[in-house]
Every structure is written in C-alpha cells, then in structure tokens.
PDB file of N, CA and C in Angstrom:
ATOM      1  N   VAL A   1       0.855  -1.176   0.000  1.00  0.00           N
ATOM      2  CA  VAL A   1       0.000   0.000   0.000  1.00  0.00           C
ATOM      3  C   VAL A   1       0.896   1.233   0.000  1.00  0.00           C
ATOM      4  N   ILE A   2       0.645   2.140  -0.910  1.00  0.00           N
ATOM      5  CA  ILE A   2       1.401   3.388  -1.010  1.00  0.00           C
ATOM      6  C   ILE A   2       0.488   4.525  -0.584  1.00  0.00           C
ATOM      7  N   TYR A   3       1.006   5.353   0.315  1.00  0.00           N
ATOM      8  CA  TYR A   3       0.254   6.513   0.774  1.00  0.00           C
ATOM      9  C   TYR A   3       0.930   7.773   0.279  1.00  0.00           C
ATOM     10  N   GLU A   4       0.153   8.681  -0.172  1.00  0.00           N
ATOM     11  CA  GLU A   4       0.685   9.983  -0.599  1.00  0.00           C
ATOM     12  C   GLU A   4       0.509  10.957   0.560  1.00  0.00           C
ATOM     13  N   ILE A   5       1.617  11.536   0.980  1.00  0.00           N
ATOM     14  CA  ILE A   5       1.574  12.505   2.073  1.00  0.00           C
ATOM     15  C   ILE A   5       2.022  13.848   1.530  1.00  0.00           C
ATOM     16  N   MET A   6       1.197  14.835   1.701  1.00  0.00           N
ATOM     17  CA  MET A   6       1.534  16.194   1.279  1.00  0.00           C
ATOM     18  C   MET A   6       1.867  17.007   2.528  1.00  0.00           C
ATOM     19  N   ILE A   7       3.147  17.232   2.741  1.00  0.00           N
ATOM     20  CA  ILE A   7       3.590  17.986   3.914  1.00  0.00           C
ATOM     21  C   ILE A   7       2.941  19.362   3.952  1.00  0.00           C
ATOM     22  N   SER A   8       2.828  19.998   2.803  1.00  0.00           N
ATOM     23  CA  SER A   8       2.266  21.352   2.768  1.00  0.00           C
ATOM     24  C   SER A   8       0.829  21.393   3.275  1.00  0.00           C
ATOM     25  N   ASP A   9       0.121  20.267   3.210  1.00  0.00           N
ATOM     26  CA  ASP A   9      -1.254  20.231   3.723  1.00  0.00           C
ATOM     27  C   ASP A   9      -1.304  20.528   5.217  1.00  0.00           C
ATOM     28  N   ASN A  10      -0.226  20.271   5.903  1.00  0.00           N
ATOM     29  CA  ASN A  10      -0.175  20.528   7.341  1.00  0.00           C
ATOM     30  C   ASN A  10      -0.012  22.008   7.667  1.00  0.00           C
ATOM     31  N   PHE A  11       0.386  22.802   6.700  1.00  0.00           N
ATOM     32  CA  PHE A  11       0.687  24.204   6.948  1.00  0.00           C
ATOM     33  C   PHE A  11      -0.231  25.177   6.215  1.00  0.00           C
ATOM     34  N   LEU A  12      -0.887  24.712   5.196  1.00  0.00           N
ATOM     35  CA  LEU A  12      -1.661  25.612   4.345  1.00  0.00           C
ATOM     36  C   LEU A  12      -3.158  25.403   4.497  1.00  0.00           C
ATOM     37  N   THR A  13      -3.841  26.504   4.438  1.00  0.00           N
ATOM     38  CA  THR A  13      -5.284  26.416   4.312  1.00  0.00           C
ATOM     39  C   THR A  13      -5.580  26.449   2.819  1.00  0.00           C
ATOM     40  N   SER A  14      -6.769  26.147   2.473  1.00  0.00           N
ATOM     41  CA  SER A  14      -7.145  26.163   1.068  1.00  0.00           C
ATOM     42  C   SER A  14      -6.877  27.541   0.466  1.00  0.00           C
ATOM     43  N   GLY A  15      -6.176  27.570  -0.651  1.00  0.00           N
ATOM     44  CA  GLY A  15      -5.877  28.837  -1.320  1.00  0.00           C
ATOM     45  C   GLY A  15      -4.659  29.550  -0.761  1.00  0.00           C
ATOM     46  N   GLY A  16      -3.956  28.953   0.194  1.00  0.00           N
ATOM     47  CA  GLY A  16      -2.775  29.590   0.788  1.00  0.00           C
ATOM     48  C   GLY A  16      -1.521  29.284   0.004  1.00  0.00           C
ATOM     49  N   LEU A  17      -0.408  29.835   0.440  1.00  0.00           N
ATOM     50  CA  LEU A  17       0.863  29.567  -0.214  1.00  0.00           C
ATOM     51  C   LEU A  17       1.996  29.683   0.787  1.00  0.00           C
ATOM     52  N   ILE A  18       3.114  29.071   0.462  1.00  0.00           N
ATOM     53  CA  ILE A  18       4.333  29.199   1.254  1.00  0.00           C
ATOM     54  C   ILE A  18       5.245  30.145   0.499  1.00  0.00           C
ATOM     55  N   LEU A  19       5.740  31.136   1.176  1.00  0.00           N
ATOM     56  CA  LEU A  19       6.594  32.140   0.550  1.00  0.00           C
ATOM     57  C   LEU A  19       7.979  32.083   1.173  1.00  0.00           C
ATOM     58  N   ALA A  20       8.987  32.021   0.342  1.00  0.00           N
ATOM     59  CA  ALA A  20      10.370  32.106   0.801  1.00  0.00           C
ATOM     60  C   ALA A  20      10.945  33.391   0.231  1.00  0.00           C
ATOM     61  N   ALA A  21      11.613  34.158   1.073  1.00  0.00           N
ATOM     62  CA  ALA A  21      12.181  35.430   0.618  1.00  0.00           C
ATOM     63  C   ALA A  21      13.612  35.556   1.111  1.00  0.00           C
ATOM     64  N   ASP A  22      14.454  36.138   0.292  1.00  0.00           N
ATOM     65  CA  ASP A  22      15.843  36.388   0.658  1.00  0.00           C
ATOM     66  C   ASP A  22      16.030  37.891   0.751  1.00  0.00           C
ATOM     67  N   TYR A  23      16.263  38.365   1.935  1.00  0.00           N
ATOM     68  CA  TYR A  23      16.489  39.791   2.142  1.00  0.00           C
ATOM     69  C   TYR A  23      17.990  40.028   2.122  1.00  0.00           C
ATOM     70  N   SER A  24      18.485  40.453   0.996  1.00  0.00           N
ATOM     71  CA  SER A  24      19.913  40.654   0.802  1.00  0.00           C
ATOM     72  C   SER A  24      20.470  41.673   1.786  1.00  0.00           C
ATOM     73  N   GLN A  25      21.450  41.256   2.558  1.00  0.00           N
ATOM     74  CA  GLN A  25      22.121  42.101   3.551  1.00  0.00           C
ATOM     75  C   GLN A  25      21.133  42.775   4.504  1.00  0.00           C
ATOM     76  N   LEU A  26      20.131  42.034   4.951  1.00  0.00           N
ATOM     77  CA  LEU A  26      19.081  42.610   5.795  1.00  0.00           C
ATOM     78  C   LEU A  26      19.649  43.297   7.033  1.00  0.00           C
ATOM     79  N   GLU A  27      20.538  42.601   7.759  1.00  0.00           N
ATOM     80  CA  GLU A  27      21.088  43.186   8.978  1.00  0.00           C
ATOM     81  C   GLU A  27      21.834  44.477   8.683  1.00  0.00           C
ATOM     82  N   LEU A  28      22.579  44.480   7.590  1.00  0.00           N
ATOM     83  CA  LEU A  28      23.349  45.659   7.206  1.00  0.00           C
ATOM     84  C   LEU A  28      22.418  46.816   6.844  1.00  0.00           C
ATOM     85  N   ARG A  29      21.328  46.507   6.191  1.00  0.00           N
ATOM     86  CA  ARG A  29      20.352  47.540   5.829  1.00  0.00           C
ATOM     87  C   ARG A  29      19.672  48.117   7.074  1.00  0.00           C
ATOM     88  N   ILE A  30      19.399  47.272   8.043  1.00  0.00           N
ATOM     89  CA  ILE A  30      18.823  47.756   9.305  1.00  0.00           C
ATOM     90  C   ILE A  30      19.830  48.642  10.024  1.00  0.00           C
ATOM     91  N   LEU A  31      21.097  48.220  10.051  1.00  0.00           N
ATOM     92  CA  LEU A  31      22.148  49.029  10.674  1.00  0.00           C
ATOM     93  C   LEU A  31      22.243  50.395  10.012  1.00  0.00           C
ATOM     94  N   ALA A  32      22.219  50.422   8.696  1.00  0.00           N
ATOM     95  CA  ALA A  32      22.299  51.697   7.969  1.00  0.00           C
ATOM     96  C   ALA A  32      21.118  52.590   8.321  1.00  0.00           C
ATOM     97  N   HIS A  33      19.946  52.004   8.383  1.00  0.00           N
ATOM     98  CA  HIS A  33      18.742  52.775   8.712  1.00  0.00           C
ATOM     99  C   HIS A  33      18.816  53.333  10.133  1.00  0.00           C
ATOM    100  N   LEU A  34      19.171  52.488  11.085  1.00  0.00           N
ATOM    101  CA  LEU A  34      19.197  52.921  12.484  1.00  0.00           C
ATOM    102  C   LEU A  34      20.329  53.896  12.778  1.00  0.00           C
ATOM    103  N   SER A  35      21.469  53.712  12.112  1.00  0.00           N
ATOM    104  CA  SER A  35      22.627  54.574  12.368  1.00  0.00           C
ATOM    105  C   SER A  35      22.562  55.883  11.591  1.00  0.00           C
ATOM    106  N   CYS A  36      21.763  55.906  10.521  1.00  0.00           N
ATOM    107  CA  CYS A  36      21.687  57.069   9.622  1.00  0.00           C
ATOM    108  C   CYS A  36      23.059  57.431   9.054  1.00  0.00           C
ATOM    109  N   ASP A  37      23.929  56.430   8.913  1.00  0.00           N
ATOM    110  CA  ASP A  37      25.265  56.683   8.381  1.00  0.00           C
ATOM    111  C   ASP A  37      25.172  56.879   6.869  1.00  0.00           C
ATOM    112  N   CYS A  38      25.468  58.089   6.423  1.00  0.00           N
ATOM    113  CA  CYS A  38      25.322  58.447   5.003  1.00  0.00           C
ATOM    114  C   CYS A  38      26.183  57.587   4.089  1.00  0.00           C
ATOM    115  N   ARG A  39      27.400  57.304   4.503  1.00  0.00           N
ATOM    116  CA  ARG A  39      28.295  56.501   3.654  1.00  0.00           C
ATOM    117  C   ARG A  39      27.782  55.072   3.506  1.00  0.00           C
ATOM    118  N   LEU A  40      27.294  54.519   4.587  1.00  0.00           N
ATOM    119  CA  LEU A  40      26.767  53.157   4.536  1.00  0.00           C
ATOM    120  C   LEU A  40      25.496  53.103   3.689  1.00  0.00           C
ATOM    121  N   ILE A  41      24.634  54.072   3.857  1.00  0.00           N
ATOM    122  CA  ILE A  41      23.412  54.151   3.051  1.00  0.00           C
ATOM    123  C   ILE A  41      23.762  54.287   1.574  1.00  0.00           C
ATOM    124  N   GLN A  42      24.751  55.119   1.275  1.00  0.00           N
ATOM    125  CA  GLN A  42      25.180  55.311  -0.113  1.00  0.00           C
ATOM    126  C   GLN A  42      25.709  54.002  -0.701  1.00  0.00           C
ATOM    127  N   ALA A  43      26.503  53.264   0.069  1.00  0.00           N
ATOM    128  CA  ALA A  43      27.043  51.988  -0.416  1.00  0.00           C
ATOM    129  C   ALA A  43      25.917  51.002  -0.721  1.00  0.00           C
ATOM    130  N   LEU A  44      24.910  50.981   0.132  1.00  0.00           N
ATOM    131  CA  LEU A  44      23.789  50.063  -0.069  1.00  0.00           C
ATOM    132  C   LEU A  44      22.917  50.456  -1.256  1.00  0.00           C
ATOM    133  N   ASN A  45      22.875  51.733  -1.559  1.00  0.00           N
ATOM    134  CA  ASN A  45      22.036  52.219  -2.661  1.00  0.00           C
ATOM    135  C   ASN A  45      22.785  52.376  -3.977  1.00  0.00           C
ATOM    136  N   SER A  46      24.061  52.053  -3.995  1.00  0.00           N
ATOM    137  CA  SER A  46      24.886  52.307  -5.180  1.00  0.00           C
ATOM    138  C   SER A  46      24.608  51.361  -6.348  1.00  0.00           C
ATOM    139  N   GLY A  47      24.029  50.208  -6.057  1.00  0.00           N
ATOM    140  CA  GLY A  47      23.771  49.252  -7.123  1.00  0.00           C
ATOM    141  C   GLY A  47      24.990  48.431  -7.506  1.00  0.00           C
ATOM    142  N   THR A  48      26.069  48.601  -6.763  1.00  0.00           N
ATOM    143  CA  THR A  48      27.288  47.832  -7.017  1.00  0.00           C
ATOM    144  C   THR A  48      27.481  46.830  -5.885  1.00  0.00           C
ATOM    145  N   ASP A  49      28.573  46.100  -5.919  1.00  0.00           N
ATOM    146  CA  ASP A  49      28.904  45.154  -4.857  1.00  0.00           C
ATOM    147  C   ASP A  49      29.029  45.928  -3.545  1.00  0.00           C
ATOM    148  N   VAL A  50      28.113  45.692  -2.634  1.00  0.00           N
ATOM    149  CA  VAL A  50      28.034  46.455  -1.384  1.00  0.00           C
ATOM    150  C   VAL A  50      29.330  46.374  -0.594  1.00  0.00           C
ATOM    151  N   PHE A  51      29.856  45.178  -0.416  1.00  0.00           N
ATOM    152  CA  PHE A  51      31.037  45.032   0.426  1.00  0.00           C
ATOM    153  C   PHE A  51      32.298  45.553  -0.253  1.00  0.00           C
ATOM    154  N   LYS A  52      32.304  45.558  -1.562  1.00  0.00           N
ATOM    155  CA  LYS A  52      33.419  46.168  -2.293  1.00  0.00           C
ATOM    156  C   LYS A  52      33.383  47.685  -2.098  1.00  0.00           C
ATOM    157  N   SER A  53      32.192  48.267  -2.157  1.00  0.00           N
ATOM    158  CA  SER A  53      32.035  49.710  -1.929  1.00  0.00           C
ATOM    159  C   SER A  53      32.409  50.083  -0.501  1.00  0.00           C
ATOM    160  N   ILE A  54      31.964  49.280   0.452  1.00  0.00           N
ATOM    161  CA  ILE A  54      32.276  49.534   1.860  1.00  0.00           C
ATOM    162  C   ILE A  54      33.777  49.428   2.092  1.00  0.00           C
ATOM    163  N   ALA A  55      34.399  48.402   1.527  1.00  0.00           N
ATOM    164  CA  ALA A  55      35.845  48.219   1.683  1.00  0.00           C
ATOM    165  C   ALA A  55      36.620  49.377   1.070  1.00  0.00           C
ATOM    166  N   ALA A  56      36.190  49.837  -0.094  1.00  0.00           N
ATOM    167  CA  ALA A  56      36.868  50.957  -0.762  1.00  0.00           C
ATOM    168  C   ALA A  56      36.794  52.218   0.089  1.00  0.00           C
ATOM    169  N   GLU A  57      35.635  52.476   0.660  1.00  0.00           N
ATOM    170  CA  GLU A  57      35.472  53.647   1.528  1.00  0.00           C
ATOM    171  C   GLU A  57      36.320  53.504   2.787  1.00  0.00           C
ATOM    172  N   TRP A  58      36.296  52.330   3.379  1.00  0.00           N
ATOM    173  CA  TRP A  58      37.056  52.064   4.603  1.00  0.00           C
ATOM    174  C   TRP A  58      38.553  52.266   4.374  1.00  0.00           C
ATOM    175  N   LYS A  59      39.063  51.698   3.298  1.00  0.00           N
ATOM    176  CA  LYS A  59      40.500  51.781   3.009  1.00  0.00           C
ATOM    177  C   LYS A  59      40.878  53.029   2.216  1.00  0.00           C
ATOM    178  N   MET A  60      39.855  53.802   1.814  1.00  0.00           N
ATOM    179  CA  MET A  60      40.059  55.015   1.017  1.00  0.00           C
ATOM    180  C   MET A  60      40.823  54.712  -0.269  1.00  0.00           C
ATOM    181  N   ILE A  61      40.336  53.702  -0.994  1.00  0.00           N
ATOM    182  CA  ILE A  61      40.927  53.306  -2.266  1.00  0.00           C
ATOM    183  C   ILE A  61      39.823  53.208  -3.314  1.00  0.00           C
ATOM    184  N   ASP A  62      40.230  53.120  -4.556  1.00  0.00           N
ATOM    185  CA  ASP A  62      39.284  52.950  -5.655  1.00  0.00           C
ATOM    186  C   ASP A  62      38.622  51.575  -5.529  1.00  0.00           C
ATOM    187  N   PRO A  63      37.321  51.494  -5.754  1.00  0.00           N
ATOM    188  CA  PRO A  63      36.645  50.195  -5.664  1.00  0.00           C
ATOM    189  C   PRO A  63      37.269  49.115  -6.552  1.00  0.00           C
ATOM    190  N   GLU A  64      37.815  49.520  -7.681  1.00  0.00           N
ATOM    191  CA  GLU A  64      38.455  48.544  -8.572  1.00  0.00           C
ATOM    192  C   GLU A  64      39.717  47.941  -7.954  1.00  0.00           C
ATOM    193  N   ALA A  65      40.302  48.638  -6.979  1.00  0.00           N
ATOM    194  CA  ALA A  65      41.519  48.157  -6.327  1.00  0.00           C
ATOM    195  C   ALA A  65      41.222  47.218  -5.158  1.00  0.00           C
ATOM    196  N   VAL A  66      39.952  47.050  -4.819  1.00  0.00           N
ATOM    197  CA  VAL A  66      39.568  46.190  -3.696  1.00  0.00           C
ATOM    198  C   VAL A  66      39.649  44.731  -4.129  1.00  0.00           C
ATOM    199  N   GLY A  67      40.495  43.985  -3.442  1.00  0.00           N
ATOM    200  CA  GLY A  67      40.619  42.560  -3.722  1.00  0.00           C
ATOM    201  C   GLY A  67      39.686  41.740  -2.854  1.00  0.00           C
ATOM    202  N   ASP A  68      39.682  40.450  -3.090  1.00  0.00           N
ATOM    203  CA  ASP A  68      38.799  39.549  -2.341  1.00  0.00           C
ATOM    204  C   ASP A  68      39.064  39.588  -0.837  1.00  0.00           C
ATOM    205  N   ARG A  69      40.332  39.659  -0.464  1.00  0.00           N
ATOM    206  CA  ARG A  69      40.685  39.654   0.967  1.00  0.00           C
ATOM    207  C   ARG A  69      40.153  40.901   1.668  1.00  0.00           C
ATOM    208  N   THR A  70      40.360  42.069   1.063  1.00  0.00           N
ATOM    209  CA  THR A  70      39.894  43.322   1.663  1.00  0.00           C
ATOM    210  C   THR A  70      38.373  43.351   1.711  1.00  0.00           C
ATOM    211  N   ARG A  71      37.729  42.867   0.670  1.00  0.00           N
ATOM    212  CA  ARG A  71      36.267  42.800   0.649  1.00  0.00           C
ATOM    213  C   ARG A  71      35.772  41.911   1.783  1.00  0.00           C
ATOM    214  N   GLN A  72      36.398  40.757   1.953  1.00  0.00           N
ATOM    215  CA  GLN A  72      36.002  39.824   3.011  1.00  0.00           C
ATOM    216  C   GLN A  72      36.229  40.435   4.393  1.00  0.00           C
ATOM    217  N   GLN A  73      37.332  41.158   4.567  1.00  0.00           N
ATOM    218  CA  GLN A  73      37.592  41.819   5.849  1.00  0.00           C
ATOM    219  C   GLN A  73      36.500  42.838   6.166  1.00  0.00           C
ATOM    220  N   ALA A  74      36.118  43.624   5.171  1.00  0.00           N
ATOM    221  CA  ALA A  74      35.058  44.619   5.375  1.00  0.00           C
ATOM    222  C   ALA A  74      33.753  43.930   5.764  1.00  0.00           C
ATOM    223  N   LYS A  75      33.462  42.832   5.117  1.00  0.00           N
ATOM    224  CA  LYS A  75      32.243  42.083   5.418  1.00  0.00           C
ATOM    225  C   LYS A  75      32.277  41.544   6.847  1.00  0.00           C
ATOM    226  N   GLN A  76      33.414  40.993   7.247  1.00  0.00           N
ATOM    227  CA  GLN A  76      33.545  40.456   8.599  1.00  0.00           C
ATOM    228  C   GLN A  76      33.419  41.558   9.649  1.00  0.00           C
ATOM    229  N   ILE A  77      33.997  42.705   9.377  1.00  0.00           N
ATOM    230  CA  ILE A  77      33.901  43.819  10.321  1.00  0.00           C
ATOM    231  C   ILE A  77      32.462  44.308  10.414  1.00  0.00           C
ATOM    232  N   CYS A  78      31.802  44.472   9.282  1.00  0.00           N
ATOM    233  CA  CYS A  78      30.397  44.920   9.278  1.00  0.00           C
ATOM    234  C   CYS A  78      29.527  44.016  10.138  1.00  0.00           C
ATOM    235  N   TYR A  79      29.563  42.738   9.843  1.00  0.00           N
ATOM    236  CA  TYR A  79      28.715  41.814  10.593  1.00  0.00           C
ATOM    237  C   TYR A  79      29.200  41.657  12.028  1.00  0.00           C
ATOM    238  N   GLY A  80      30.494  41.796  12.248  1.00  0.00           N
ATOM    239  CA  GLY A  80      31.018  41.778  13.610  1.00  0.00           C
ATOM    240  C   GLY A  80      30.463  42.919  14.437  1.00  0.00           C
ATOM    241  N   ILE A  81      30.426  44.101  13.853  1.00  0.00           N
ATOM    242  CA  ILE A  81      29.870  45.271  14.542  1.00  0.00           C
ATOM    243  C   ILE A  81      28.384  45.047  14.827  1.00  0.00           C
ATOM    244  N   ILE A  82      27.669  44.537  13.855  1.00  0.00           N
ATOM    245  CA  ILE A  82      26.233  44.286  14.027  1.00  0.00           C
ATOM    246  C   ILE A  82      25.976  43.349  15.202  1.00  0.00           C
ATOM    247  N   TYR A  83      26.770  42.299  15.298  1.00  0.00           N
ATOM    248  CA  TYR A  83      26.544  41.287  16.328  1.00  0.00           C
ATOM    249  C   TYR A  83      27.381  41.501  17.584  1.00  0.00           C
ATOM    250  N   GLY A  84      28.053  42.651  17.682  1.00  0.00           N
ATOM    251  CA  GLY A  84      28.761  43.010  18.905  1.00  0.00           C
ATOM    252  C   GLY A  84      30.038  42.233  19.162  1.00  0.00           C
ATOM    253  N   ILE A  85      30.698  41.817  18.117  1.00  0.00           N
ATOM    254  CA  ILE A  85      31.941  41.066  18.266  1.00  0.00           C
ATOM    255  C   ILE A  85      33.045  41.980  18.801  1.00  0.00           C
ATOM    256  N   GLY A  86      33.900  41.441  19.623  1.00  0.00           N
ATOM    257  CA  GLY A  86      35.034  42.192  20.139  1.00  0.00           C
ATOM    258  C   GLY A  86      36.263  41.966  19.283  1.00  0.00           C
ATOM    259  N   ALA A  87      37.303  42.726  19.585  1.00  0.00           N
ATOM    260  CA  ALA A  87      38.542  42.638  18.808  1.00  0.00           C
ATOM    261  C   ALA A  87      39.164  41.247  18.886  1.00  0.00           C
ATOM    262  N   LYS A  88      39.087  40.619  20.048  1.00  0.00           N
ATOM    263  CA  LYS A  88      39.692  39.294  20.194  1.00  0.00           C
ATOM    264  C   LYS A  88      39.018  38.282  19.263  1.00  0.00           C
ATOM    265  N   SER A  89      37.692  38.236  19.296  1.00  0.00           N
ATOM    266  CA  SER A  89      36.958  37.287  18.441  1.00  0.00           C
ATOM    267  C   SER A  89      37.107  37.628  16.966  1.00  0.00           C
ATOM    268  N   LEU A  90      37.073  38.914  16.652  1.00  0.00           N
ATOM    269  CA  LEU A  90      37.252  39.320  15.259  1.00  0.00           C
ATOM    270  C   LEU A  90      38.638  38.920  14.768  1.00  0.00           C
ATOM    271  N   GLY A  91      39.638  39.137  15.602  1.00  0.00           N
ATOM    272  CA  GLY A  91      40.997  38.748  15.244  1.00  0.00           C
ATOM    273  C   GLY A  91      41.108  37.261  14.969  1.00  0.00           C
ATOM    274  N   GLU A  92      40.490  36.457  15.828  1.00  0.00           N
ATOM    275  CA  GLU A  92      40.503  35.002  15.625  1.00  0.00           C
ATOM    276  C   GLU A  92      39.811  34.635  14.317  1.00  0.00           C
ATOM    277  N   GLN A  93      38.693  35.282  14.064  1.00  0.00           N
ATOM    278  CA  GLN A  93      37.924  35.017  12.847  1.00  0.00           C
ATOM    279  C   GLN A  93      38.702  35.408  11.592  1.00  0.00           C
ATOM    280  N   MET A  94      39.450  36.513  11.684  1.00  0.00           N
ATOM    281  CA  MET A  94      40.171  37.030  10.521  1.00  0.00           C
ATOM    282  C   MET A  94      41.596  36.500  10.412  1.00  0.00           C
ATOM    283  N   GLY A  95      42.059  35.815  11.447  1.00  0.00           N
ATOM    284  CA  GLY A  95      43.425  35.301  11.438  1.00  0.00           C
ATOM    285  C   GLY A  95      44.471  36.375  11.678  1.00  0.00           C
ATOM    286  N   ILE A  96      44.102  37.389  12.478  1.00  0.00           N
ATOM    287  CA  ILE A  96      45.027  38.469  12.835  1.00  0.00           C
ATOM    288  C   ILE A  96      45.031  38.610  14.348  1.00  0.00           C
ATOM    289  N   ASP A  97      46.006  39.350  14.885  1.00  0.00           N
ATOM    290  CA  ASP A  97      46.034  39.481  16.340  1.00  0.00           C
ATOM    291  C   ASP A  97      45.000  40.496  16.826  1.00  0.00           C
ATOM    292  N   GLU A  98      44.722  40.441  18.109  1.00  0.00           N
ATOM    293  CA  GLU A  98      43.673  41.259  18.716  1.00  0.00           C
ATOM    294  C   GLU A  98      43.910  42.754  18.524  1.00  0.00           C
ATOM    295  N   ASN A  99      45.161  43.193  18.656  1.00  0.00           N
ATOM    296  CA  ASN A  99      45.467  44.620  18.488  1.00  0.00           C
ATOM    297  C   ASN A  99      45.175  45.095  17.070  1.00  0.00           C
ATOM    298  N   GLU A 100      45.558  44.287  16.099  1.00  0.00           N
ATOM    299  CA  GLU A 100      45.292  44.648  14.705  1.00  0.00           C
ATOM    300  C   GLU A 100      43.783  44.684  14.438  1.00  0.00           C
ATOM    301  N   ALA A 101      43.059  43.734  15.016  1.00  0.00           N
ATOM    302  CA  ALA A 101      41.601  43.713  14.858  1.00  0.00           C
ATOM    303  C   ALA A 101      40.976  44.959  15.479  1.00  0.00           C
ATOM    304  N   ALA A 102      41.482  45.382  16.629  1.00  0.00           N
ATOM    305  CA  ALA A 102      40.976  46.601  17.279  1.00  0.00           C
ATOM    306  C   ALA A 102      41.226  47.818  16.394  1.00  0.00           C
ATOM    307  N   ILE A 103      42.380  47.860  15.754  1.00  0.00           N
ATOM    308  CA  ILE A 103      42.706  48.961  14.835  1.00  0.00           C
ATOM    309  C   ILE A 103      41.755  48.935  13.640  1.00  0.00           C
ATOM    310  N   TYR A 104      41.475  47.746  13.117  1.00  0.00           N
ATOM    311  CA  TYR A 104      40.537  47.612  12.002  1.00  0.00           C
ATOM    312  C   TYR A 104      39.160  48.153  12.389  1.00  0.00           C
ATOM    313  N   ILE A 105      38.687  47.772  13.564  1.00  0.00           N
ATOM    314  CA  ILE A 105      37.366  48.225  14.015  1.00  0.00           C
ATOM    315  C   ILE A 105      37.343  49.742  14.148  1.00  0.00           C
ATOM    316  N   GLU A 106      38.368  50.299  14.782  1.00  0.00           N
ATOM    317  CA  GLU A 106      38.411  51.756  14.979  1.00  0.00           C
ATOM    318  C   GLU A 106      38.530  52.503  13.654  1.00  0.00           C
ATOM    319  N   SER A 107      39.369  51.998  12.749  1.00  0.00           N
ATOM    320  CA  SER A 107      39.511  52.676  11.456  1.00  0.00           C
ATOM    321  C   SER A 107      38.218  52.572  10.649  1.00  0.00           C
ATOM    322  N   PHE A 108      37.536  51.453  10.785  1.00  0.00           N
ATOM    323  CA  PHE A 108      36.257  51.274  10.100  1.00  0.00           C
ATOM    324  C   PHE A 108      35.235  52.269  10.640  1.00  0.00           C
ATOM    325  N   LYS A 109      35.154  52.369  11.960  1.00  0.00           N
ATOM    326  CA  LYS A 109      34.201  53.296  12.585  1.00  0.00           C
ATOM    327  C   LYS A 109      34.557  54.755  12.319  1.00  0.00           C
ATOM    328  N   SER A 110      35.829  55.037  12.064  1.00  0.00           N
ATOM    329  CA  SER A 110      36.213  56.420  11.753  1.00  0.00           C
ATOM    330  C   SER A 110      35.721  56.834  10.365  1.00  0.00           C
ATOM    331  N   ARG A 111      35.543  55.878   9.468  1.00  0.00           N
ATOM    332  CA  ARG A 111      35.002  56.165   8.133  1.00  0.00           C
ATOM    333  C   ARG A 111      33.479  56.130   8.149  1.00  0.00           C
ATOM    334  N   TYR A 112      32.929  55.268   8.960  1.00  0.00           N
ATOM    335  CA  TYR A 112      31.474  55.129   9.093  1.00  0.00           C
ATOM    336  C   TYR A 112      31.087  55.616  10.485  1.00  0.00           C
ATOM    337  N   THR A 113      31.075  56.933  10.634  1.00  0.00           N
ATOM    338  CA  THR A 113      30.931  57.563  11.951  1.00  0.00           C
ATOM    339  C   THR A 113      29.569  57.317  12.602  1.00  0.00           C
ATOM    340  N   GLY A 114      28.569  56.996  11.832  1.00  0.00           N
ATOM    341  CA  GLY A 114      27.257  56.700  12.406  1.00  0.00           C
ATOM    342  C   GLY A 114      27.232  55.414  13.204  1.00  0.00           C
ATOM    343  N   LEU A 115      28.250  54.580  13.042  1.00  0.00           N
ATOM    344  CA  LEU A 115      28.286  53.289  13.720  1.00  0.00           C
ATOM    345  C   LEU A 115      28.863  53.371  15.117  1.00  0.00           C
ATOM    346  N   ASP A 116      29.435  54.498  15.452  1.00  0.00           N
ATOM    347  CA  ASP A 116      30.083  54.626  16.761  1.00  0.00           C
ATOM    348  C   ASP A 116      29.119  54.956  17.858  1.00  0.00           C
TER     349      ASP A 116
END
C-alpha cells in the first residue's frame, strides 16, 4: 500500500501559499537605517557590490583596487559590529592578532561615523 503525504497540507489552508524570501544584507540595511550613516546608506544604494564599496570607503581606495581579501575583511567587520563582536573574536575570525583587529574596528568606525 502506497500513501501519498503532502507535507504542505499541514501548513496551508485552502488557497494559501508558502513564501520564501531572501532579504539581501538585511542586517546591514537595518544598521544603515538605524545609524543614519550616510556613507553606509550610499554603499547600499549604489547598485554595485556592497562590500566592495564599503571596503573601498574604509581603506580610502578605488573600488576597482579592492581585492577579495579586503572585501572579506570589510564584510567580517560589518557583521562583527552588528553582532557586537570584540577585537579578540574578530581577530581570531580574521586570522590576525587582537590589536590589529581593534585597529581595524576603529579605522572602520572612523570612516562610518554613524556606527560609533
């Protein structure tokens, strides 16, 4: 005997639907909104690679000069700030020492002053 089980029947009423949505950089967008940081808002609205734009602003370089490593560092710092990561944990995550991570956080916040 074969039984057909429709998992969705357990969740849907007649005429309903299941919706999946991907909110790109949701936490970062909330941070930009709450902090009112103009540079961060501009990076999010630029239509380009957000983390490349953020990294370029942070390092004060042309976006075309931003490599994968610098982009990844900017991304780690952004999400680290959002989730309250300290220099020690950020350093471990990035493979750098705690003092260097603290400098990264401070230099990042000096460019994105709304985050401080």
